[in-house]
Amino acid sequence: MEKEKDTPLQIQGEWTLQTLRGVAPATSIPLPSLQIDLKENRMTGNSGCNNYFASIESCSSTTLSFSAIGATRILCLSENIESDYFQALQEVTTYKIQENSLSLLNEQGEEVVKMIKKQ
């Protein structure tokens, strides 16, 4: 039982995008980042272009979901995956943590976003 209680705490911290829907983004683009703050119950980050934020609506050992995402409105001239990334984050219902990687899964159990812990 003790181990289960700690799971949400492992999600706390800074993460960098590794794959989006199973595909690694081009190395030429800025990678989205994600910061999870369980004390404030919010997530923030940078999409590779705009800064964004959302509330964590649920976070337990089995669930994770975010409110609608708000973002700054900087015109992104360089190539980025912001809209696909935001869309994937909105589909998240659960997650898995293995060592230093975080898999965000949709309702069907498919991995939509995979992040790596920022060192």
PDB file of N, CA and C in Angstrom:
ATOM      1  N   MET A   1       0.823  -1.197   0.000  1.00  0.00           N
ATOM      2  CA  MET A   1       0.000   0.000   0.000  1.00  0.00           C
ATOM      3  C   MET A   1       0.870   1.265   0.000  1.00  0.00           C
ATOM      4  N   GLU A   2       1.909   1.260   0.766  1.00  0.00           N
ATOM      5  CA  GLU A   2       2.779   2.433   0.911  1.00  0.00           C
ATOM      6  C   GLU A   2       3.307   2.920  -0.438  1.00  0.00           C
ATOM      7  N   LYS A   3       3.725   1.972  -1.288  1.00  0.00           N
ATOM      8  CA  LYS A   3       4.315   2.327  -2.575  1.00  0.00           C
ATOM      9  C   LYS A   3       3.304   3.072  -3.454  1.00  0.00           C
ATOM     10  N   GLU A   4       2.068   2.614  -3.459  1.00  0.00           N
ATOM     11  CA  GLU A   4       1.031   3.206  -4.291  1.00  0.00           C
ATOM     12  C   GLU A   4       0.814   4.685  -3.964  1.00  0.00           C
ATOM     13  N   LYS A   5       0.869   5.004  -2.691  1.00  0.00           N
ATOM     14  CA  LYS A   5       0.655   6.379  -2.262  1.00  0.00           C
ATOM     15  C   LYS A   5       1.709   7.328  -2.832  1.00  0.00           C
ATOM     16  N   ASP A   6       2.909   6.825  -3.048  1.00  0.00           N
ATOM     17  CA  ASP A   6       4.006   7.675  -3.525  1.00  0.00           C
ATOM     18  C   ASP A   6       3.970   7.932  -5.023  1.00  0.00           C
ATOM     19  N   THR A   7       3.224   7.126  -5.767  1.00  0.00           N
ATOM     20  CA  THR A   7       3.245   7.241  -7.229  1.00  0.00           C
ATOM     21  C   THR A   7       2.975   8.657  -7.730  1.00  0.00           C
ATOM     22  N   PRO A   8       1.911   9.324  -7.283  1.00  0.00           N
ATOM     23  CA  PRO A   8       1.687  10.685  -7.789  1.00  0.00           C
ATOM     24  C   PRO A   8       2.863  11.621  -7.512  1.00  0.00           C
ATOM     25  N   LEU A   9       3.572  11.384  -6.410  1.00  0.00           N
ATOM     26  CA  LEU A   9       4.707  12.250  -6.097  1.00  0.00           C
ATOM     27  C   LEU A   9       5.816  12.123  -7.139  1.00  0.00           C
ATOM     28  N   GLN A  10       5.949  10.952  -7.749  1.00  0.00           N
ATOM     29  CA  GLN A  10       7.001  10.753  -8.752  1.00  0.00           C
ATOM     30  C   GLN A  10       6.749  11.577 -10.012  1.00  0.00           C
ATOM     31  N   ILE A  11       5.514  11.980 -10.209  1.00  0.00           N
ATOM     32  CA  ILE A  11       5.167  12.754 -11.410  1.00  0.00           C
ATOM     33  C   ILE A  11       5.582  14.221 -11.245  1.00  0.00           C
ATOM     34  N   GLN A  12       5.778  14.631 -10.000  1.00  0.00           N
ATOM     35  CA  GLN A  12       6.189  15.999  -9.684  1.00  0.00           C
ATOM     36  C   GLN A  12       7.524  16.311 -10.367  1.00  0.00           C
ATOM     37  N   GLY A  13       7.673  17.519 -10.881  1.00  0.00           N
ATOM     38  CA  GLY A  13       8.957  17.932 -11.435  1.00  0.00           C
ATOM     39  C   GLY A  13       8.895  18.348 -12.877  1.00  0.00           C
ATOM     40  N   GLU A  14      10.064  18.426 -13.495  1.00  0.00           N
ATOM     41  CA  GLU A  14      10.171  18.908 -14.874  1.00  0.00           C
ATOM     42  C   GLU A  14      10.448  17.771 -15.835  1.00  0.00           C
ATOM     43  N   TRP A  15       9.755  17.800 -16.946  1.00  0.00           N
ATOM     44  CA  TRP A  15       9.847  16.749 -17.956  1.00  0.00           C
ATOM     45  C   TRP A  15      10.062  17.386 -19.332  1.00  0.00           C
ATOM     46  N   THR A  16      10.728  16.657 -20.206  1.00  0.00           N
ATOM     47  CA  THR A  16      10.944  17.113 -21.583  1.00  0.00           C
ATOM     48  C   THR A  16      10.367  16.069 -22.533  1.00  0.00           C
ATOM     49  N   LEU A  17       9.729  16.541 -23.594  1.00  0.00           N
ATOM     50  CA  LEU A  17       9.093  15.631 -24.552  1.00  0.00           C
ATOM     51  C   LEU A  17      10.099  14.678 -25.181  1.00  0.00           C
ATOM     52  N   GLN A  18       9.718  13.402 -25.222  1.00  0.00           N
ATOM     53  CA  GLN A  18      10.525  12.399 -25.904  1.00  0.00           C
ATOM     54  C   GLN A  18       9.820  11.945 -27.186  1.00  0.00           C
ATOM     55  N   THR A  19       8.547  11.555 -27.056  1.00  0.00           N
ATOM     56  CA  THR A  19       7.775  11.204 -28.251  1.00  0.00           C
ATOM     57  C   THR A  19       6.352  11.743 -28.141  1.00  0.00           C
ATOM     58  N   LEU A  20       5.771  12.049 -29.287  1.00  0.00           N
ATOM     59  CA  LEU A  20       4.391  12.499 -29.398  1.00  0.00           C
ATOM     60  C   LEU A  20       3.685  11.489 -30.287  1.00  0.00           C
ATOM     61  N   ARG A  21       2.714  10.780 -29.716  1.00  0.00           N
ATOM     62  CA  ARG A  21       2.012   9.692 -30.420  1.00  0.00           C
ATOM     63  C   ARG A  21       3.008   8.698 -31.032  1.00  0.00           C
ATOM     64  N   GLY A  22       4.045   8.382 -30.253  1.00  0.00           N
ATOM     65  CA  GLY A  22       5.004   7.356 -30.663  1.00  0.00           C
ATOM     66  C   GLY A  22       6.099   7.837 -31.601  1.00  0.00           C
ATOM     67  N   VAL A  23       6.061   9.110 -31.973  1.00  0.00           N
ATOM     68  CA  VAL A  23       7.056   9.627 -32.919  1.00  0.00           C
ATOM     69  C   VAL A  23       7.954  10.654 -32.225  1.00  0.00           C
ATOM     70  N   ALA A  24       9.253  10.480 -32.371  1.00  0.00           N
ATOM     71  CA  ALA A  24      10.192  11.463 -31.821  1.00  0.00           C
ATOM     72  C   ALA A  24      10.153  12.706 -32.703  1.00  0.00           C
ATOM     73  N   PRO A  25      10.024  13.888 -32.111  1.00  0.00           N
ATOM     74  CA  PRO A  25       9.995  15.108 -32.928  1.00  0.00           C
ATOM     75  C   PRO A  25      11.352  15.371 -33.585  1.00  0.00           C
ATOM     76  N   ALA A  26      11.330  16.152 -34.644  1.00  0.00           N
ATOM     77  CA  ALA A  26      12.568  16.518 -35.338  1.00  0.00           C
ATOM     78  C   ALA A  26      13.527  17.173 -34.353  1.00  0.00           C
ATOM     79  N   THR A  27      14.809  16.878 -34.482  1.00  0.00           N
ATOM     80  CA  THR A  27      15.798  17.449 -33.569  1.00  0.00           C
ATOM     81  C   THR A  27      15.990  18.936 -33.821  1.00  0.00           C
ATOM     82  N   SER A  28      15.471  19.427 -34.956  1.00  0.00           N
ATOM     83  CA  SER A  28      15.640  20.843 -35.307  1.00  0.00           C
ATOM     84  C   SER A  28      14.653  21.756 -34.590  1.00  0.00           C
ATOM     85  N   ILE A  29      13.625  21.176 -33.949  1.00  0.00           N
ATOM     86  CA  ILE A  29      12.634  22.035 -33.298  1.00  0.00           C
ATOM     87  C   ILE A  29      12.836  22.062 -31.778  1.00  0.00           C
ATOM     88  N   PRO A  30      12.440  23.161 -31.136  1.00  0.00           N
ATOM     89  CA  PRO A  30      12.529  23.208 -29.671  1.00  0.00           C
ATOM     90  C   PRO A  30      11.547  22.204 -29.071  1.00  0.00           C
ATOM     91  N   LEU A  31      12.006  21.409 -28.122  1.00  0.00           N
ATOM     92  CA  LEU A  31      11.155  20.388 -27.529  1.00  0.00           C
ATOM     93  C   LEU A  31      10.256  20.960 -26.436  1.00  0.00           C
ATOM     94  N   PRO A  32       8.982  20.575 -26.464  1.00  0.00           N
ATOM     95  CA  PRO A  32       8.087  20.992 -25.392  1.00  0.00           C
ATOM     96  C   PRO A  32       8.553  20.474 -24.032  1.00  0.00           C
ATOM     97  N   SER A  33       8.264  21.262 -22.999  1.00  0.00           N
ATOM     98  CA  SER A  33       8.576  20.846 -21.636  1.00  0.00           C
ATOM     99  C   SER A  33       7.306  20.899 -20.807  1.00  0.00           C
ATOM    100  N   LEU A  34       7.328  20.175 -19.703  1.00  0.00           N
ATOM    101  CA  LEU A  34       6.174  20.070 -18.826  1.00  0.00           C
ATOM    102  C   LEU A  34       6.657  20.113 -17.390  1.00  0.00           C
ATOM    103  N   GLN A  35       6.050  20.951 -16.594  1.00  0.00           N
ATOM    104  CA  GLN A  35       6.389  21.049 -15.169  1.00  0.00           C
ATOM    105  C   GLN A  35       5.123  20.726 -14.396  1.00  0.00           C
ATOM    106  N   ILE A  36       5.208  19.713 -13.538  1.00  0.00           N
ATOM    107  CA  ILE A  36       4.051  19.330 -12.739  1.00  0.00           C
ATOM    108  C   ILE A  36       4.283  19.746 -11.298  1.00  0.00           C
ATOM    109  N   ASP A  37       3.351  20.519 -10.788  1.00  0.00           N
ATOM    110  CA  ASP A  37       3.434  21.009  -9.416  1.00  0.00           C
ATOM    111  C   ASP A  37       2.195  20.527  -8.656  1.00  0.00           C
ATOM    112  N   LEU A  38       2.355  19.471  -7.874  1.00  0.00           N
ATOM    113  CA  LEU A  38       1.212  18.897  -7.164  1.00  0.00           C
ATOM    114  C   LEU A  38       0.770  19.746  -5.982  1.00  0.00           C
ATOM    115  N   LYS A  39       1.669  20.538  -5.424  1.00  0.00           N
ATOM    116  CA  LYS A  39       1.281  21.410  -4.307  1.00  0.00           C
ATOM    117  C   LYS A  39       0.292  22.462  -4.790  1.00  0.00           C
ATOM    118  N   GLU A  40       0.575  23.018  -5.966  1.00  0.00           N
ATOM    119  CA  GLU A  40      -0.297  24.052  -6.536  1.00  0.00           C
ATOM    120  C   GLU A  40      -1.397  23.449  -7.410  1.00  0.00           C
ATOM    121  N   ASN A  41      -1.305  22.145  -7.662  1.00  0.00           N
ATOM    122  CA  ASN A  41      -2.257  21.441  -8.526  1.00  0.00           C
ATOM    123  C   ASN A  41      -2.309  22.037  -9.924  1.00  0.00           C
ATOM    124  N   ARG A  42      -1.121  22.306 -10.477  1.00  0.00           N
ATOM    125  CA  ARG A  42      -1.094  22.866 -11.824  1.00  0.00           C
ATOM    126  C   ARG A  42       0.078  22.327 -12.631  1.00  0.00           C
ATOM    127  N   MET A  43      -0.060  22.474 -13.921  1.00  0.00           N
ATOM    128  CA  MET A  43       1.059  22.146 -14.802  1.00  0.00           C
ATOM    129  C   MET A  43       1.353  23.384 -15.616  1.00  0.00           C
ATOM    130  N   THR A  44       2.636  23.567 -15.896  1.00  0.00           N
ATOM    131  CA  THR A  44       3.078  24.675 -16.731  1.00  0.00           C
ATOM    132  C   THR A  44       4.148  24.121 -17.654  1.00  0.00           C
ATOM    133  N   GLY A  45       4.543  24.905 -18.608  1.00  0.00           N
ATOM    134  CA  GLY A  45       5.607  24.452 -19.490  1.00  0.00           C
ATOM    135  C   GLY A  45       5.750  25.358 -20.684  1.00  0.00           C
ATOM    136  N   ASN A  46       6.536  24.886 -21.634  1.00  0.00           N
ATOM    137  CA  ASN A  46       6.715  25.590 -22.889  1.00  0.00           C
ATOM    138  C   ASN A  46       6.454  24.583 -23.993  1.00  0.00           C
ATOM    139  N   SER A  47       5.650  24.979 -24.958  1.00  0.00           N
ATOM    140  CA  SER A  47       5.226  24.059 -26.020  1.00  0.00           C
ATOM    141  C   SER A  47       6.273  23.935 -27.125  1.00  0.00           C
ATOM    142  N   GLY A  48       7.394  24.621 -26.967  1.00  0.00           N
ATOM    143  CA  GLY A  48       8.351  24.708 -28.061  1.00  0.00           C
ATOM    144  C   GLY A  48       8.190  26.058 -28.753  1.00  0.00           C
ATOM    145  N   CYS A  49       7.162  26.795 -28.307  1.00  0.00           N
ATOM    146  CA  CYS A  49       6.909  28.140 -28.827  1.00  0.00           C
ATOM    147  C   CYS A  49       6.323  29.008 -27.722  1.00  0.00           C
ATOM    148  N   ASN A  50       5.099  28.684 -27.303  1.00  0.00           N
ATOM    149  CA  ASN A  50       4.419  29.458 -26.260  1.00  0.00           C
ATOM    150  C   ASN A  50       4.559  28.813 -24.887  1.00  0.00           C
ATOM    151  N   ASN A  51       4.492  29.645 -23.849  1.00  0.00           N
ATOM    152  CA  ASN A  51       4.374  29.123 -22.490  1.00  0.00           C
ATOM    153  C   ASN A  51       2.912  28.743 -22.293  1.00  0.00           C
ATOM    154  N   TYR A  52       2.673  27.682 -21.538  1.00  0.00           N
ATOM    155  CA  TYR A  52       1.298  27.249 -21.317  1.00  0.00           C
ATOM    156  C   TYR A  52       1.088  26.860 -19.860  1.00  0.00           C
ATOM    157  N   PHE A  53      -0.180  26.709 -19.489  1.00  0.00           N
ATOM    158  CA  PHE A  53      -0.531  26.356 -18.121  1.00  0.00           C
ATOM    159  C   PHE A  53      -1.900  25.697 -18.112  1.00  0.00           C
ATOM    160  N   ALA A  54      -2.146  24.878 -17.102  1.00  0.00           N
ATOM    161  CA  ALA A  54      -3.447  24.247 -16.901  1.00  0.00           C
ATOM    162  C   ALA A  54      -3.525  23.775 -15.460  1.00  0.00           C
ATOM    163  N   SER A  55      -4.735  23.540 -15.005  1.00  0.00           N
ATOM    164  CA  SER A  55      -4.916  22.951 -13.681  1.00  0.00           C
ATOM    165  C   SER A  55      -4.866  21.437 -13.818  1.00  0.00           C
ATOM    166  N   ILE A  56      -4.400  20.789 -12.765  1.00  0.00           N
ATOM    167  CA  ILE A  56      -4.470  19.326 -12.726  1.00  0.00           C
ATOM    168  C   ILE A  56      -5.832  19.012 -12.124  1.00  0.00           C
ATOM    169  N   GLU A  57      -6.693  18.388 -12.921  1.00  0.00           N
ATOM    170  CA  GLU A  57      -8.049  18.105 -12.449  1.00  0.00           C
ATOM    171  C   GLU A  57      -8.075  16.859 -11.587  1.00  0.00           C
ATOM    172  N   SER A  58      -7.270  15.865 -11.963  1.00  0.00           N
ATOM    173  CA  SER A  58      -7.163  14.687 -11.108  1.00  0.00           C
ATOM    174  C   SER A  58      -5.764  14.114 -11.219  1.00  0.00           C
ATOM    175  N   CYS A  59      -5.263  13.635 -10.101  1.00  0.00           N
ATOM    176  CA  CYS A  59      -3.960  12.982 -10.089  1.00  0.00           C
ATOM    177  C   CYS A  59      -3.961  12.010  -8.915  1.00  0.00           C
ATOM    178  N   SER A  60      -3.944  10.714  -9.252  1.00  0.00           N
ATOM    179  CA  SER A  60      -3.869   9.678  -8.233  1.00  0.00           C
ATOM    180  C   SER A  60      -2.870   8.655  -8.746  1.00  0.00           C
ATOM    181  N   SER A  61      -2.841   7.494  -8.114  1.00  0.00           N
ATOM    182  CA  SER A  61      -1.917   6.470  -8.607  1.00  0.00           C
ATOM    183  C   SER A  61      -2.399   5.891  -9.936  1.00  0.00           C
ATOM    184  N   THR A  62      -3.660   6.163 -10.306  1.00  0.00           N
ATOM    185  CA  THR A  62      -4.183   5.605 -11.554  1.00  0.00           C
ATOM    186  C   THR A  62      -4.698   6.645 -12.543  1.00  0.00           C
ATOM    187  N   THR A  63      -4.939   7.874 -12.097  1.00  0.00           N
ATOM    188  CA  THR A  63      -5.529   8.857 -13.015  1.00  0.00           C
ATOM    189  C   THR A  63      -4.693  10.121 -13.112  1.00  0.00           C
ATOM    190  N   LEU A  64      -4.842  10.785 -14.240  1.00  0.00           N
ATOM    191  CA  LEU A  64      -4.236  12.097 -14.436  1.00  0.00           C
ATOM    192  C   LEU A  64      -5.042  12.798 -15.514  1.00  0.00           C
ATOM    193  N   SER A  65      -5.493  14.008 -15.217  1.00  0.00           N
ATOM    194  CA  SER A  65      -6.148  14.786 -16.271  1.00  0.00           C
ATOM    195  C   SER A  65      -5.956  16.263 -15.988  1.00  0.00           C
ATOM    196  N   PHE A  66      -6.020  17.031 -17.062  1.00  0.00           N
ATOM    197  CA  PHE A  66      -5.767  18.466 -17.005  1.00  0.00           C
ATOM    198  C   PHE A  66      -6.992  19.236 -17.451  1.00  0.00           C
ATOM    199  N   SER A  67      -7.114  20.465 -16.948  1.00  0.00           N
ATOM    200  CA  SER A  67      -8.171  21.361 -17.424  1.00  0.00           C
ATOM    201  C   SER A  67      -7.776  21.829 -18.834  1.00  0.00           C
ATOM    202  N   ALA A  68      -8.636  22.674 -19.401  1.00  0.00           N
ATOM    203  CA  ALA A  68      -8.292  23.271 -20.698  1.00  0.00           C
ATOM    204  C   ALA A  68      -6.968  24.024 -20.554  1.00  0.00           C
ATOM    205  N   ILE A  69      -6.172  23.989 -21.590  1.00  0.00           N
ATOM    206  CA  ILE A  69      -4.845  24.598 -21.562  1.00  0.00           C
ATOM    207  C   ILE A  69      -4.929  26.060 -21.981  1.00  0.00           C
ATOM    208  N   GLY A  70      -4.295  26.917 -21.198  1.00  0.00           N
ATOM    209  CA  GLY A  70      -4.161  28.318 -21.571  1.00  0.00           C
ATOM    210  C   GLY A  70      -2.729  28.521 -22.031  1.00  0.00           C
ATOM    211  N   ALA A  71      -2.511  29.428 -22.961  1.00  0.00           N
ATOM    212  CA  ALA A  71      -1.152  29.649 -23.462  1.00  0.00           C
ATOM    213  C   ALA A  71      -0.950  31.094 -23.873  1.00  0.00           C
ATOM    214  N   THR A  72       0.300  31.522 -23.840  1.00  0.00           N
ATOM    215  CA  THR A  72       0.630  32.845 -24.368  1.00  0.00           C
ATOM    216  C   THR A  72       0.410  32.785 -25.875  1.00  0.00           C
ATOM    217  N   ARG A  73       0.291  33.902 -26.507  1.00  0.00           N
ATOM    218  CA  ARG A  73      -0.040  33.920 -27.943  1.00  0.00           C
ATOM    219  C   ARG A  73       1.092  34.517 -28.774  1.00  0.00           C
ATOM    220  N   ILE A  74       2.257  33.948 -28.621  1.00  0.00           N
ATOM    221  CA  ILE A  74       3.392  34.423 -29.418  1.00  0.00           C
ATOM    222  C   ILE A  74       3.254  33.818 -30.814  1.00  0.00           C
ATOM    223  N   LEU A  75       3.506  34.612 -31.824  1.00  0.00           N
ATOM    224  CA  LEU A  75       3.500  34.091 -33.183  1.00  0.00           C
ATOM    225  C   LEU A  75       4.742  33.221 -33.354  1.00  0.00           C
ATOM    226  N   CYS A  76       4.502  31.954 -33.695  1.00  0.00           N
ATOM    227  CA  CYS A  76       5.622  31.016 -33.809  1.00  0.00           C
ATOM    228  C   CYS A  76       6.074  30.946 -35.251  1.00  0.00           C
ATOM    229  N   LEU A  77       7.235  31.477 -35.514  1.00  0.00           N
ATOM    230  CA  LEU A  77       7.733  31.481 -36.886  1.00  0.00           C
ATOM    231  C   LEU A  77       8.478  30.194 -37.212  1.00  0.00           C
ATOM    232  N   SER A  78       9.133  29.621 -36.200  1.00  0.00           N
ATOM    233  CA  SER A  78       9.859  28.378 -36.460  1.00  0.00           C
ATOM    234  C   SER A  78       8.888  27.198 -36.406  1.00  0.00           C
ATOM    235  N   GLU A  79       9.284  26.110 -37.023  1.00  0.00           N
ATOM    236  CA  GLU A  79       8.475  24.900 -37.043  1.00  0.00           C
ATOM    237  C   GLU A  79       8.274  24.403 -35.606  1.00  0.00           C
ATOM    238  N   ASN A  80       7.061  24.001 -35.290  1.00  0.00           N
ATOM    239  CA  ASN A  80       6.802  23.462 -33.954  1.00  0.00           C
ATOM    240  C   ASN A  80       5.623  22.500 -33.998  1.00  0.00           C
ATOM    241  N   ILE A  81       5.427  21.785 -32.894  1.00  0.00           N
ATOM    242  CA  ILE A  81       4.355  20.787 -32.828  1.00  0.00           C
ATOM    243  C   ILE A  81       3.315  21.163 -31.768  1.00  0.00           C
ATOM    244  N   GLU A  82       3.238  22.452 -31.488  1.00  0.00           N
ATOM    245  CA  GLU A  82       2.397  22.933 -30.397  1.00  0.00           C
ATOM    246  C   GLU A  82       0.954  22.427 -30.442  1.00  0.00           C
ATOM    247  N   SER A  83       0.274  22.584 -31.564  1.00  0.00           N
ATOM    248  CA  SER A  83      -1.148  22.207 -31.585  1.00  0.00           C
ATOM    249  C   SER A  83      -1.335  20.705 -31.380  1.00  0.00           C
ATOM    250  N   ASP A  84      -0.481  19.889 -31.978  1.00  0.00           N
ATOM    251  CA  ASP A  84      -0.554  18.434 -31.785  1.00  0.00           C
ATOM    252  C   ASP A  84      -0.259  18.067 -30.335  1.00  0.00           C
ATOM    253  N   TYR A  85       0.709  18.752 -29.747  1.00  0.00           N
ATOM    254  CA  TYR A  85       1.103  18.510 -28.361  1.00  0.00           C
ATOM    255  C   TYR A  85      -0.044  18.865 -27.410  1.00  0.00           C
ATOM    256  N   PHE A  86      -0.657  20.040 -27.595  1.00  0.00           N
ATOM    257  CA  PHE A  86      -1.777  20.450 -26.752  1.00  0.00           C
ATOM    258  C   PHE A  86      -2.945  19.469 -26.891  1.00  0.00           C
ATOM    259  N   GLN A  87      -3.224  19.063 -28.122  1.00  0.00           N
ATOM    260  CA  GLN A  87      -4.314  18.116 -28.377  1.00  0.00           C
ATOM    261  C   GLN A  87      -4.063  16.818 -27.614  1.00  0.00           C
ATOM    262  N   ALA A  88      -2.837  16.326 -27.656  1.00  0.00           N
ATOM    263  CA  ALA A  88      -2.496  15.080 -26.964  1.00  0.00           C
ATOM    264  C   ALA A  88      -2.652  15.231 -25.452  1.00  0.00           C
ATOM    265  N   LEU A  89      -2.210  16.367 -24.895  1.00  0.00           N
ATOM    266  CA  LEU A  89      -2.327  16.584 -23.447  1.00  0.00           C
ATOM    267  C   LEU A  89      -3.779  16.571 -22.990  1.00  0.00           C
ATOM    268  N   GLN A  90      -4.675  17.087 -23.843  1.00  0.00           N
ATOM    269  CA  GLN A  90      -6.087  17.131 -23.467  1.00  0.00           C
ATOM    270  C   GLN A  90      -6.726  15.745 -23.457  1.00  0.00           C
ATOM    271  N   GLU A  91      -6.088  14.769 -24.119  1.00  0.00           N
ATOM    272  CA  GLU A  91      -6.631  13.404 -24.166  1.00  0.00           C
ATOM    273  C   GLU A  91      -6.193  12.544 -22.986  1.00  0.00           C
ATOM    274  N   VAL A  92      -5.246  13.060 -22.195  1.00  0.00           N
ATOM    275  CA  VAL A  92      -4.659  12.255 -21.123  1.00  0.00           C
ATOM    276  C   VAL A  92      -5.684  11.920 -20.031  1.00  0.00           C
ATOM    277  N   THR A  93      -5.732  10.618 -19.671  1.00  0.00           N
ATOM    278  CA  THR A  93      -6.593  10.186 -18.563  1.00  0.00           C
ATOM    279  C   THR A  93      -5.802   9.414 -17.510  1.00  0.00           C
ATOM    280  N   THR A  94      -4.639   8.920 -17.877  1.00  0.00           N
ATOM    281  CA  THR A  94      -3.824   8.166 -16.933  1.00  0.00           C
ATOM    282  C   THR A  94      -2.358   8.236 -17.339  1.00  0.00           C
ATOM    283  N   TYR A  95      -1.500   7.647 -16.538  1.00  0.00           N
ATOM    284  CA  TYR A  95      -0.069   7.738 -16.800  1.00  0.00           C
ATOM    285  C   TYR A  95       0.668   6.531 -16.236  1.00  0.00           C
ATOM    286  N   LYS A  96       1.882   6.346 -16.702  1.00  0.00           N
ATOM    287  CA  LYS A  96       2.775   5.316 -16.166  1.00  0.00           C
ATOM    288  C   LYS A  96       4.148   5.938 -16.009  1.00  0.00           C
ATOM    289  N   ILE A  97       4.818   5.599 -14.937  1.00  0.00           N
ATOM    290  CA  ILE A  97       6.180   6.063 -14.734  1.00  0.00           C
ATOM    291  C   ILE A  97       7.095   4.856 -14.693  1.00  0.00           C
ATOM    292  N   GLN A  98       8.149   4.893 -15.495  1.00  0.00           N
ATOM    293  CA  GLN A  98       9.174   3.859 -15.466  1.00  0.00           C
ATOM    294  C   GLN A  98      10.508   4.565 -15.398  1.00  0.00           C
ATOM    295  N   GLU A  99      11.213   4.333 -14.303  1.00  0.00           N
ATOM    296  CA  GLU A  99      12.488   4.999 -14.062  1.00  0.00           C
ATOM    297  C   GLU A  99      12.351   6.483 -14.313  1.00  0.00           C
ATOM    298  N   ASN A 100      13.034   7.024 -15.345  1.00  0.00           N
ATOM    299  CA  ASN A 100      12.970   8.479 -15.536  1.00  0.00           C
ATOM    300  C   ASN A 100      12.092   8.886 -16.706  1.00  0.00           C
ATOM    301  N   SER A 101      11.167   8.005 -17.110  1.00  0.00           N
ATOM    302  CA  SER A 101      10.259   8.401 -18.189  1.00  0.00           C
ATOM    303  C   SER A 101       8.810   8.361 -17.716  1.00  0.00           C
ATOM    304  N   LEU A 102       8.024   9.255 -18.293  1.00  0.00           N
ATOM    305  CA  LEU A 102       6.623   9.421 -17.952  1.00  0.00           C
ATOM    306  C   LEU A 102       5.807   9.226 -19.223  1.00  0.00           C
ATOM    307  N   SER A 103       4.939   8.217 -19.209  1.00  0.00           N
ATOM    308  CA  SER A 103       4.047   7.976 -20.340  1.00  0.00           C
ATOM    309  C   SER A 103       2.667   8.490 -19.989  1.00  0.00           C
ATOM    310  N   LEU A 104       2.137   9.377 -20.812  1.00  0.00           N
ATOM    311  CA  LEU A 104       0.787   9.899 -20.631  1.00  0.00           C
ATOM    312  C   LEU A 104      -0.129   9.158 -21.605  1.00  0.00           C
ATOM    313  N   LEU A 105      -1.181   8.555 -21.064  1.00  0.00           N
ATOM    314  CA  LEU A 105      -2.036   7.672 -21.857  1.00  0.00           C
ATOM    315  C   LEU A 105      -3.443   8.238 -21.999  1.00  0.00           C
ATOM    316  N   ASN A 106      -4.076   7.903 -23.123  1.00  0.00           N
ATOM    317  CA  ASN A 106      -5.461   8.339 -23.336  1.00  0.00           C
ATOM    318  C   ASN A 106      -6.422   7.278 -22.797  1.00  0.00           C
ATOM    319  N   GLU A 107      -7.702   7.520 -22.991  1.00  0.00           N
ATOM    320  CA  GLU A 107      -8.750   6.632 -22.478  1.00  0.00           C
ATOM    321  C   GLU A 107      -8.604   5.200 -22.980  1.00  0.00           C
ATOM    322  N   GLN A 108      -8.088   5.049 -24.190  1.00  0.00           N
ATOM    323  CA  GLN A 108      -7.910   3.724 -24.775  1.00  0.00           C
ATOM    324  C   GLN A 108      -6.628   3.041 -24.294  1.00  0.00           C
ATOM    325  N   GLY A 109      -5.865   3.743 -23.454  1.00  0.00           N
ATOM    326  CA  GLY A 109      -4.617   3.162 -22.959  1.00  0.00           C
ATOM    327  C   GLY A 109      -3.453   3.346 -23.914  1.00  0.00           C
ATOM    328  N   GLU A 110      -3.636   4.172 -24.936  1.00  0.00           N
ATOM    329  CA  GLU A 110      -2.560   4.436 -25.894  1.00  0.00           C
ATOM    330  C   GLU A 110      -1.685   5.561 -25.374  1.00  0.00           C
ATOM    331  N   GLU A 111      -0.382   5.396 -25.553  1.00  0.00           N
ATOM    332  CA  GLU A 111       0.551   6.438 -25.131  1.00  0.00           C
ATOM    333  C   GLU A 111       0.482   7.599 -26.125  1.00  0.00           C
ATOM    334  N   VAL A 112       0.062   8.776 -25.647  1.00  0.00           N
ATOM    335  CA  VAL A 112      -0.029   9.935 -26.539  1.00  0.00           C
ATOM    336  C   VAL A 112       1.187  10.846 -26.389  1.00  0.00           C
ATOM    337  N   VAL A 113       1.759  10.869 -25.178  1.00  0.00           N
ATOM    338  CA  VAL A 113       2.941  11.688 -24.920  1.00  0.00           C
ATOM    339  C   VAL A 113       3.895  10.899 -24.033  1.00  0.00           C
ATOM    340  N   LYS A 114       5.167  10.919 -24.403  1.00  0.00           N
ATOM    341  CA  LYS A 114       6.182  10.324 -23.533  1.00  0.00           C
ATOM    342  C   LYS A 114       7.199  11.391 -23.205  1.00  0.00           C
ATOM    343  N   MET A 115       7.429  11.574 -21.914  1.00  0.00           N
ATOM    344  CA  MET A 115       8.356  12.605 -21.438  1.00  0.00           C
ATOM    345  C   MET A 115       9.529  11.937 -20.727  1.00  0.00           C
ATOM    346  N   ILE A 116      10.623  12.655 -20.688  1.00  0.00           N
ATOM    347  CA  ILE A 116      11.792  12.178 -19.947  1.00  0.00           C
ATOM    348  C   ILE A 116      12.082  13.194 -18.850  1.00  0.00           C
ATOM    349  N   LYS A 117      12.463  12.705 -17.681  1.00  0.00           N
ATOM    350  CA  LYS A 117      12.717  13.573 -16.525  1.00  0.00           C
ATOM    351  C   LYS A 117      13.888  14.485 -16.845  1.00  0.00           C
ATOM    352  N   LYS A 118      13.716  15.774 -16.570  1.00  0.00           N
ATOM    353  CA  LYS A 118      14.802  16.738 -16.788  1.00  0.00           C
ATOM    354  C   LYS A 118      15.852  16.529 -15.706  1.00  0.00           C
ATOM    355  N   GLN A 119      17.088  16.404 -16.115  1.00  0.00           N
ATOM    356  CA  GLN A 119      18.153  16.145 -15.138  1.00  0.00           C
ATOM    357  C   GLN A 119      18.626  17.426 -14.483  1.00  0.00           C
TER     358      GLN A 119
END
